[in-house]
PDB file of N, CA and C in Angstrom:
ATOM      1  N   MET A   1      11.015 -53.765  11.365  1.00  0.00           N
ATOM      2  CA  MET A   1      10.421 -54.806  10.418  1.00  0.00           C
ATOM      3  C   MET A   1       9.804 -55.090   9.386  1.00  0.00           C
ATOM      4  N   THR A   2      10.563 -55.769   8.811  1.00  0.00           N
ATOM      5  CA  THR A   2       9.077 -55.915   7.314  1.00  0.00           C
ATOM      6  C   THR A   2       8.240 -56.956   7.470  1.00  0.00           C
ATOM      7  N   VAL A   3       6.445 -56.626   7.059  1.00  0.00           N
ATOM      8  CA  VAL A   3       5.773 -57.193   7.018  1.00  0.00           C
ATOM      9  C   VAL A   3       5.213 -57.550   5.824  1.00  0.00           C
ATOM     10  N   LYS A   4       5.207 -58.570   5.591  1.00  0.00           N
ATOM     11  CA  LYS A   4       4.679 -59.103   4.026  1.00  0.00           C
ATOM     12  C   LYS A   4       3.398 -60.020   3.994  1.00  0.00           C
ATOM     13  N   PRO A   5       2.180 -59.384   4.152  1.00  0.00           N
ATOM     14  CA  PRO A   5       1.287 -60.475   4.322  1.00  0.00           C
ATOM     15  C   PRO A   5       1.635 -61.220   3.463  1.00  0.00           C
ATOM     16  N   LEU A   6       0.078 -62.422   3.169  1.00  0.00           N
ATOM     17  CA  LEU A   6       0.431 -63.905   2.386  1.00  0.00           C
ATOM     18  C   LEU A   6      -1.115 -64.062   1.835  1.00  0.00           C
ATOM     19  N   GLY A   7      -1.055 -64.210   0.815  1.00  0.00           N
ATOM     20  CA  GLY A   7      -2.623 -64.658  -0.384  1.00  0.00           C
ATOM     21  C   GLY A   7      -3.344 -63.890  -0.410  1.00  0.00           C
ATOM     22  N   GLU A   8      -4.751 -63.412   0.638  1.00  0.00           N
ATOM     23  CA  GLU A   8      -5.887 -62.676  -0.571  1.00  0.00           C
ATOM     24  C   GLU A   8      -5.347 -61.822   0.863  1.00  0.00           C
ATOM     25  N   ARG A   9      -4.444 -60.949   1.609  1.00  0.00           N
ATOM     26  CA  ARG A   9      -4.667 -60.351   2.595  1.00  0.00           C
ATOM     27  C   ARG A   9      -3.862 -59.009   2.441  1.00  0.00           C
ATOM     28  N   VAL A  10      -3.931 -58.177   2.595  1.00  0.00           N
ATOM     29  CA  VAL A  10      -3.687 -56.858   2.762  1.00  0.00           C
ATOM     30  C   VAL A  10      -3.437 -56.215   4.326  1.00  0.00           C
ATOM     31  N   LEU A  11      -2.299 -55.236   4.133  1.00  0.00           N
ATOM     32  CA  LEU A  11      -1.288 -54.353   5.596  1.00  0.00           C
ATOM     33  C   LEU A  11      -1.009 -53.064   5.260  1.00  0.00           C
ATOM     34  N   ILE A  12      -2.102 -52.878   5.721  1.00  0.00           N
ATOM     35  CA  ILE A  12      -2.804 -51.617   6.449  1.00  0.00           C
ATOM     36  C   ILE A  12      -2.364 -50.915   7.324  1.00  0.00           C
ATOM     37  N   GLU A  13      -1.806 -49.152   7.232  1.00  0.00           N
ATOM     38  CA  GLU A  13      -1.438 -48.280   8.842  1.00  0.00           C
ATOM     39  C   GLU A  13      -2.759 -47.861   9.045  1.00  0.00           C
ATOM     40  N   VAL A  14      -2.992 -47.890   9.762  1.00  0.00           N
ATOM     41  CA  VAL A  14      -4.070 -47.421  10.109  1.00  0.00           C
ATOM     42  C   VAL A  14      -4.112 -45.787  10.356  1.00  0.00           C
ATOM     43  N   LYS A  15      -5.340 -45.172   9.931  1.00  0.00           N
ATOM     44  CA  LYS A  15      -4.849 -43.191   9.489  1.00  0.00           C
ATOM     45  C   LYS A  15      -5.161 -43.025  11.527  1.00  0.00           C
ATOM     46  N   GLY A  16      -4.665 -42.611  11.454  1.00  0.00           N
ATOM     47  CA  GLY A  16      -5.028 -41.608  13.553  1.00  0.00           C
ATOM     48  C   GLY A  16      -5.726 -41.461  14.103  1.00  0.00           C
ATOM     49  N   SER A  17      -6.068 -41.168  14.886  1.00  0.00           N
ATOM     50  CA  SER A  17      -7.686 -41.325  15.263  1.00  0.00           C
ATOM     51  C   SER A  17      -7.711 -39.649  15.576  1.00  0.00           C
ATOM     52  N   GLU A  18      -8.706 -38.259  15.728  1.00  0.00           N
ATOM     53  CA  GLU A  18      -8.544 -37.153  16.420  1.00  0.00           C
ATOM     54  C   GLU A  18      -8.673 -37.015  18.314  1.00  0.00           C
ATOM     55  N   GLU A  19      -7.388 -36.065  19.055  1.00  0.00           N
ATOM     56  CA  GLU A  19      -7.079 -36.514  19.843  1.00  0.00           C
ATOM     57  C   GLU A  19      -8.001 -35.482  20.106  1.00  0.00           C
ATOM     58  N   LYS A  20      -8.665 -34.671  19.873  1.00  0.00           N
ATOM     59  CA  LYS A  20      -9.646 -33.290  20.341  1.00  0.00           C
ATOM     60  C   LYS A  20     -10.783 -33.027  19.403  1.00  0.00           C
ATOM     61  N   THR A  21     -11.606 -31.807  19.885  1.00  0.00           N
ATOM     62  CA  THR A  21     -12.926 -31.665  19.390  1.00  0.00           C
ATOM     63  C   THR A  21     -12.608 -30.467  18.389  1.00  0.00           C
ATOM     64  N   ALA A  22     -13.295 -30.280  17.965  1.00  0.00           N
ATOM     65  CA  ALA A  22     -13.595 -29.225  17.437  1.00  0.00           C
ATOM     66  C   ALA A  22     -13.914 -27.807  17.603  1.00  0.00           C
ATOM     67  N   GLY A  23     -14.218 -28.343  19.423  1.00  0.00           N
ATOM     68  CA  GLY A  23     -14.101 -27.785  20.455  1.00  0.00           C
ATOM     69  C   GLY A  23     -12.921 -27.180  20.696  1.00  0.00           C
ATOM     70  N   GLY A  24     -12.583 -28.388  20.728  1.00  0.00           N
ATOM     71  CA  GLY A  24     -11.157 -28.413  21.316  1.00  0.00           C
ATOM     72  C   GLY A  24     -10.753 -28.692  22.806  1.00  0.00           C
ATOM     73  N   LEU A  25     -11.959 -30.033  22.901  1.00  0.00           N
ATOM     74  CA  LEU A  25     -11.836 -30.900  24.082  1.00  0.00           C
ATOM     75  C   LEU A  25     -10.927 -31.850  23.879  1.00  0.00           C
ATOM     76  N   VAL A  26      -9.558 -32.077  24.952  1.00  0.00           N
ATOM     77  CA  VAL A  26      -9.327 -32.849  24.647  1.00  0.00           C
ATOM     78  C   VAL A  26      -9.835 -34.830  24.779  1.00  0.00           C
ATOM     79  N   ILE A  27      -9.717 -35.514  24.070  1.00  0.00           N
ATOM     80  CA  ILE A  27     -10.392 -36.768  24.017  1.00  0.00           C
ATOM     81  C   ILE A  27      -9.552 -37.694  24.732  1.00  0.00           C
ATOM     82  N   PRO A  28      -9.847 -38.125  25.330  1.00  0.00           N
ATOM     83  CA  PRO A  28      -8.974 -39.361  26.037  1.00  0.00           C
ATOM     84  C   PRO A  28      -8.577 -40.857  25.388  1.00  0.00           C
ATOM     85  N   THR A  29      -7.378 -41.173  24.983  1.00  0.00           N
ATOM     86  CA  THR A  29      -7.486 -42.899  24.014  1.00  0.00           C
ATOM     87  C   THR A  29      -8.306 -43.411  24.392  1.00  0.00           C
ATOM     88  N   ALA A  30      -8.689 -43.819  25.223  1.00  0.00           N
ATOM     89  CA  ALA A  30      -9.873 -45.091  25.758  1.00  0.00           C
ATOM     90  C   ALA A  30     -11.239 -44.555  25.510  1.00  0.00           C
ATOM     91  N   ALA A  31     -11.644 -43.774  25.081  1.00  0.00           N
ATOM     92  CA  ALA A  31     -12.799 -43.016  24.668  1.00  0.00           C
ATOM     93  C   ALA A  31     -13.172 -43.128  23.366  1.00  0.00           C
ATOM     94  N   GLN A  32     -11.797 -42.805  22.617  1.00  0.00           N
ATOM     95  CA  GLN A  32     -11.817 -42.849  21.184  1.00  0.00           C
ATOM     96  C   GLN A  32     -12.465 -43.668  20.383  1.00  0.00           C
ATOM     97  N   GLU A  33     -12.778 -43.789  18.704  1.00  0.00           N
ATOM     98  CA  GLU A  33     -13.001 -44.703  18.363  1.00  0.00           C
ATOM     99  C   GLU A  33     -12.294 -45.065  17.217  1.00  0.00           C
ATOM    100  N   LYS A  34     -13.201 -46.195  17.622  1.00  0.00           N
ATOM    101  CA  LYS A  34     -11.864 -47.257  16.729  1.00  0.00           C
ATOM    102  C   LYS A  34     -12.112 -46.362  15.798  1.00  0.00           C
ATOM    103  N   THR A  35     -10.718 -45.845  14.475  1.00  0.00           N
ATOM    104  CA  THR A  35     -10.919 -45.754  13.347  1.00  0.00           C
ATOM    105  C   THR A  35     -10.793 -47.069  11.825  1.00  0.00           C
ATOM    106  N   MET A  36     -12.014 -46.398  10.848  1.00  0.00           N
ATOM    107  CA  MET A  36     -11.596 -47.513   9.697  1.00  0.00           C
ATOM    108  C   MET A  36     -10.809 -46.722   8.796  1.00  0.00           C
ATOM    109  N   GLU A  37      -9.735 -45.588   8.823  1.00  0.00           N
ATOM    110  CA  GLU A  37      -9.688 -46.085   7.040  1.00  0.00           C
ATOM    111  C   GLU A  37      -8.476 -46.140   7.574  1.00  0.00           C
ATOM    112  N   GLY A  38      -7.430 -46.492   6.322  1.00  0.00           N
ATOM    113  CA  GLY A  38      -5.823 -46.643   6.097  1.00  0.00           C
ATOM    114  C   GLY A  38      -5.307 -46.525   4.981  1.00  0.00           C
ATOM    115  N   THR A  39      -4.216 -46.665   4.694  1.00  0.00           N
ATOM    116  CA  THR A  39      -3.597 -46.737   3.476  1.00  0.00           C
ATOM    117  C   THR A  39      -2.381 -48.094   3.082  1.00  0.00           C
ATOM    118  N   ILE A  40      -3.054 -49.143   2.628  1.00  0.00           N
ATOM    119  CA  ILE A  40      -2.258 -50.375   2.171  1.00  0.00           C
ATOM    120  C   ILE A  40      -1.010 -49.505   2.039  1.00  0.00           C
ATOM    121  N   ILE A  41      -0.513 -50.401   2.668  1.00  0.00           N
ATOM    122  CA  ILE A  41       1.082 -50.155   2.770  1.00  0.00           C
ATOM    123  C   ILE A  41       2.067 -51.407   2.115  1.00  0.00           C
ATOM    124  N   ALA A  42       1.427 -53.170   2.273  1.00  0.00           N
ATOM    125  CA  ALA A  42       1.801 -54.392   1.494  1.00  0.00           C
ATOM    126  C   ALA A  42       0.434 -55.566   0.931  1.00  0.00           C
ATOM    127  N   VAL A  43       0.471 -55.480  -0.313  1.00  0.00           N
ATOM    128  CA  VAL A  43      -0.536 -56.481  -0.271  1.00  0.00           C
ATOM    129  C   VAL A  43      -0.504 -57.590  -0.901  1.00  0.00           C
ATOM    130  N   GLY A  44      -0.865 -58.943  -0.356  1.00  0.00           N
ATOM    131  CA  GLY A  44      -0.955 -60.012  -0.545  1.00  0.00           C
ATOM    132  C   GLY A  44      -0.119 -60.831  -1.884  1.00  0.00           C
ATOM    133  N   ASP A  45       0.161 -62.515  -2.020  1.00  0.00           N
ATOM    134  CA  ASP A  45       0.288 -62.606  -3.620  1.00  0.00           C
ATOM    135  C   ASP A  45      -0.471 -63.172  -4.822  1.00  0.00           C
ATOM    136  N   ALA A  46      -2.168 -63.574  -4.204  1.00  0.00           N
ATOM    137  CA  ALA A  46      -2.978 -63.420  -4.678  1.00  0.00           C
ATOM    138  C   ALA A  46      -3.090 -63.261  -5.917  1.00  0.00           C
ATOM    139  N   ASP A  47      -3.927 -64.143  -6.438  1.00  0.00           N
ATOM    140  CA  ASP A  47      -4.002 -62.766  -8.433  1.00  0.00           C
ATOM    141  C   ASP A  47      -4.821 -62.281  -8.309  1.00  0.00           C
ATOM    142  N   THR A  48      -5.828 -63.090  -7.674  1.00  0.00           N
ATOM    143  CA  THR A  48      -7.023 -61.253  -6.999  1.00  0.00           C
ATOM    144  C   THR A  48      -7.852 -60.433  -6.605  1.00  0.00           C
ATOM    145  N   ILE A  49      -6.574 -60.002  -6.224  1.00  0.00           N
ATOM    146  CA  ILE A  49      -6.036 -58.559  -4.735  1.00  0.00           C
ATOM    147  C   ILE A  49      -6.460 -57.409  -6.105  1.00  0.00           C
ATOM    148  N   LYS A  50      -6.952 -56.531  -5.895  1.00  0.00           N
ATOM    149  CA  LYS A  50      -7.488 -55.555  -7.019  1.00  0.00           C
ATOM    150  C   LYS A  50      -6.940 -54.100  -6.261  1.00  0.00           C
ATOM    151  N   LEU A  51      -5.969 -54.008  -4.908  1.00  0.00           N
ATOM    152  CA  LEU A  51      -6.403 -53.010  -4.335  1.00  0.00           C
ATOM    153  C   LEU A  51      -4.753 -53.129  -5.024  1.00  0.00           C
ATOM    154  N   LYS A  52      -4.587 -51.674  -4.222  1.00  0.00           N
ATOM    155  CA  LYS A  52      -2.784 -51.702  -4.429  1.00  0.00           C
ATOM    156  C   LYS A  52      -2.036 -50.976  -3.747  1.00  0.00           C
ATOM    157  N   VAL A  53      -0.868 -50.937  -3.610  1.00  0.00           N
ATOM    158  CA  VAL A  53       0.041 -50.375  -2.128  1.00  0.00           C
ATOM    159  C   VAL A  53      -0.140 -48.309  -2.034  1.00  0.00           C
ATOM    160  N   GLY A  54      -0.384 -47.943  -1.705  1.00  0.00           N
ATOM    161  CA  GLY A  54      -0.995 -46.471  -1.532  1.00  0.00           C
ATOM    162  C   GLY A  54      -2.050 -45.466  -1.341  1.00  0.00           C
ATOM    163  N   ASP A  55      -3.028 -47.394  -1.399  1.00  0.00           N
ATOM    164  CA  ASP A  55      -4.649 -47.322  -1.988  1.00  0.00           C
ATOM    165  C   ASP A  55      -5.160 -46.467  -0.513  1.00  0.00           C
ATOM    166  N   LYS A  56      -5.766 -45.418  -0.298  1.00  0.00           N
ATOM    167  CA  LYS A  56      -6.866 -45.427   0.830  1.00  0.00           C
ATOM    168  C   LYS A  56      -8.191 -45.458   0.445  1.00  0.00           C
ATOM    169  N   VAL A  57      -8.015 -46.542   2.108  1.00  0.00           N
ATOM    170  CA  VAL A  57      -9.260 -47.466   1.858  1.00  0.00           C
ATOM    171  C   VAL A  57     -10.282 -47.635   3.236  1.00  0.00           C
ATOM    172  N   ILE A  58     -11.037 -48.056   2.909  1.00  0.00           N
ATOM    173  CA  ILE A  58     -11.929 -48.378   4.526  1.00  0.00           C
ATOM    174  C   ILE A  58     -13.012 -49.245   4.679  1.00  0.00           C
ATOM    175  N   TYR A  59     -12.570 -49.940   5.573  1.00  0.00           N
ATOM    176  CA  TYR A  59     -12.406 -50.908   5.870  1.00  0.00           C
ATOM    177  C   TYR A  59     -13.445 -51.209   7.969  1.00  0.00           C
ATOM    178  N   ASP A  60     -13.614 -53.025   7.703  1.00  0.00           N
ATOM    179  CA  ASP A  60     -14.688 -53.320   8.277  1.00  0.00           C
ATOM    180  C   ASP A  60     -14.238 -53.528  10.276  1.00  0.00           C
ATOM    181  N   LYS A  61     -15.263 -53.010  10.669  1.00  0.00           N
ATOM    182  CA  LYS A  61     -14.821 -52.403  11.681  1.00  0.00           C
ATOM    183  C   LYS A  61     -14.404 -53.233  12.703  1.00  0.00           C
ATOM    184  N   TYR A  62     -14.183 -54.778  12.567  1.00  0.00           N
ATOM    185  CA  TYR A  62     -14.181 -55.072  13.478  1.00  0.00           C
ATOM    186  C   TYR A  62     -12.833 -56.443  12.623  1.00  0.00           C
ATOM    187  N   ALA A  63     -11.831 -56.272  11.392  1.00  0.00           N
ATOM    188  CA  ALA A  63     -12.056 -57.085  10.694  1.00  0.00           C
ATOM    189  C   ALA A  63     -10.301 -57.260  11.777  1.00  0.00           C
ATOM    190  N   GLY A  64      -9.560 -57.730  10.776  1.00  0.00           N
ATOM    191  CA  GLY A  64      -8.392 -58.907  11.139  1.00  0.00           C
ATOM    192  C   GLY A  64      -7.820 -58.555  12.047  1.00  0.00           C
ATOM    193  N   THR A  65      -6.193 -58.187  12.471  1.00  0.00           N
ATOM    194  CA  THR A  65      -5.786 -58.068  13.416  1.00  0.00           C
ATOM    195  C   THR A  65      -4.837 -57.166  13.590  1.00  0.00           C
ATOM    196  N   GLN A  66      -4.896 -56.394  14.855  1.00  0.00           N
ATOM    197  CA  GLN A  66      -3.771 -55.157  14.745  1.00  0.00           C
ATOM    198  C   GLN A  66      -2.549 -55.841  15.167  1.00  0.00           C
ATOM    199  N   ILE A  67      -1.330 -54.976  14.531  1.00  0.00           N
ATOM    200  CA  ILE A  67       0.148 -55.428  15.552  1.00  0.00           C
ATOM    201  C   ILE A  67       0.454 -53.705  14.903  1.00  0.00           C
ATOM    202  N   LYS A  68       1.144 -53.677  15.824  1.00  0.00           N
ATOM    203  CA  LYS A  68       2.613 -52.580  15.667  1.00  0.00           C
ATOM    204  C   LYS A  68       4.022 -52.441  15.235  1.00  0.00           C
ATOM    205  N   ILE A  69       4.448 -52.131  14.012  1.00  0.00           N
ATOM    206  CA  ILE A  69       4.886 -51.999  13.778  1.00  0.00           C
ATOM    207  C   ILE A  69       5.461 -50.181  13.965  1.00  0.00           C
ATOM    208  N   GLU A  70       6.712 -50.362  14.130  1.00  0.00           N
ATOM    209  CA  GLU A  70       7.904 -49.188  14.088  1.00  0.00           C
ATOM    210  C   GLU A  70       6.809 -48.161  15.411  1.00  0.00           C
ATOM    211  N   GLY A  71       6.068 -49.019  15.894  1.00  0.00           N
ATOM    212  CA  GLY A  71       5.412 -47.485  16.881  1.00  0.00           C
ATOM    213  C   GLY A  71       3.961 -47.239  16.069  1.00  0.00           C
ATOM    214  N   LYS A  72       4.119 -47.341  15.047  1.00  0.00           N
ATOM    215  CA  LYS A  72       2.603 -47.411  14.550  1.00  0.00           C
ATOM    216  C   LYS A  72       1.757 -48.461  14.178  1.00  0.00           C
ATOM    217  N   ASP A  73       0.023 -48.071  14.397  1.00  0.00           N
ATOM    218  CA  ASP A  73      -0.323 -49.321  13.981  1.00  0.00           C
ATOM    219  C   ASP A  73      -1.190 -49.441  13.010  1.00  0.00           C
ATOM    220  N   HIS A  74      -1.257 -50.687  12.795  1.00  0.00           N
ATOM    221  CA  HIS A  74      -1.889 -51.557  11.110  1.00  0.00           C
ATOM    222  C   HIS A  74      -1.976 -52.416  11.746  1.00  0.00           C
ATOM    223  N   ILE A  75      -2.701 -52.603  10.544  1.00  0.00           N
ATOM    224  CA  ILE A  75      -4.206 -54.129  10.504  1.00  0.00           C
ATOM    225  C   ILE A  75      -4.155 -55.382   9.779  1.00  0.00           C
ATOM    226  N   LEU A  76      -3.734 -55.995   9.500  1.00  0.00           N
ATOM    227  CA  LEU A  76      -3.548 -56.966   8.635  1.00  0.00           C
ATOM    228  C   LEU A  76      -5.127 -57.611   8.381  1.00  0.00           C
ATOM    229  N   ILE A  77      -5.291 -57.762   7.202  1.00  0.00           N
ATOM    230  CA  ILE A  77      -6.933 -58.101   7.104  1.00  0.00           C
ATOM    231  C   ILE A  77      -7.011 -58.769   5.579  1.00  0.00           C
ATOM    232  N   LYS A  78      -8.033 -59.618   5.557  1.00  0.00           N
ATOM    233  CA  LYS A  78      -8.417 -59.573   3.939  1.00  0.00           C
ATOM    234  C   LYS A  78      -9.038 -58.731   3.152  1.00  0.00           C
ATOM    235  N   ALA A  79      -8.785 -59.173   2.439  1.00  0.00           N
ATOM    236  CA  ALA A  79      -8.769 -57.879   1.004  1.00  0.00           C
ATOM    237  C   ALA A  79     -10.152 -57.676   0.662  1.00  0.00           C
ATOM    238  N   GLU A  80     -10.922 -59.127   1.211  1.00  0.00           N
ATOM    239  CA  GLU A  80     -12.917 -58.577   0.438  1.00  0.00           C
ATOM    240  C   GLU A  80     -12.958 -57.779   1.533  1.00  0.00           C
ATOM    241  N   GLU A  81     -12.090 -57.857   2.584  1.00  0.00           N
ATOM    242  CA  GLU A  81     -12.784 -56.823   4.110  1.00  0.00           C
ATOM    243  C   GLU A  81     -12.676 -55.365   4.041  1.00  0.00           C
ATOM    244  N   VAL A  82     -12.127 -55.373   2.845  1.00  0.00           N
ATOM    245  CA  VAL A  82     -12.113 -53.625   2.690  1.00  0.00           C
ATOM    246  C   VAL A  82     -13.468 -53.398   2.403  1.00  0.00           C
ATOM    247  N   LEU A  83     -14.161 -51.822   2.445  1.00  0.00           N
ATOM    248  CA  LEU A  83     -15.741 -51.330   1.794  1.00  0.00           C
ATOM    249  C   LEU A  83     -15.416 -50.963   0.474  1.00  0.00           C
ATOM    250  N   ALA A  84     -14.791 -49.799   0.538  1.00  0.00           N
ATOM    251  CA  ALA A  84     -13.940 -49.109  -0.946  1.00  0.00           C
ATOM    252  C   ALA A  84     -12.453 -48.227  -0.257  1.00  0.00           C
ATOM    253  N   VAL A  85     -12.697 -48.271  -1.851  1.00  0.00           N
ATOM    254  CA  VAL A  85     -11.063 -47.423  -1.643  1.00  0.00           C
ATOM    255  C   VAL A  85     -11.799 -45.901  -1.341  1.00  0.00           C
ATOM    256  N   ILE A  86     -10.702 -45.200  -0.823  1.00  0.00           N
ATOM    257  CA  ILE A  86     -11.691 -43.382  -1.109  1.00  0.00           C
ATOM    258  C   ILE A  86      -9.902 -42.706  -1.391  1.00  0.00           C
ATOM    259  N   SER A  87     -11.252 -42.117  -2.406  1.00  0.00           N
ATOM    260  CA  SER A  87     -10.495 -41.330  -4.448  1.00  0.00           C
ATOM    261  C   SER A  87      -9.848 -39.941  -3.426  1.00  0.00           C
TER     262      SER A  87
END
């Protein structure tokens, strides 16, 4: 399945969260903190977007719409909700 964002939106593949602590304890899925990092997979067609495919980003915690594509977590958000690019 292919998802193409429209306008000023970007599609981000969410970085998986760690399932173990540094001490080796397993953290249940329900207790894990929602991750706010990911990689941009697709960019909308607006000329004002300064992000590009492959950028690693940090985004607002409660932003966007979560979707699953081929079993992987993704989030579709407005480009302005991206807080920083990680280099």
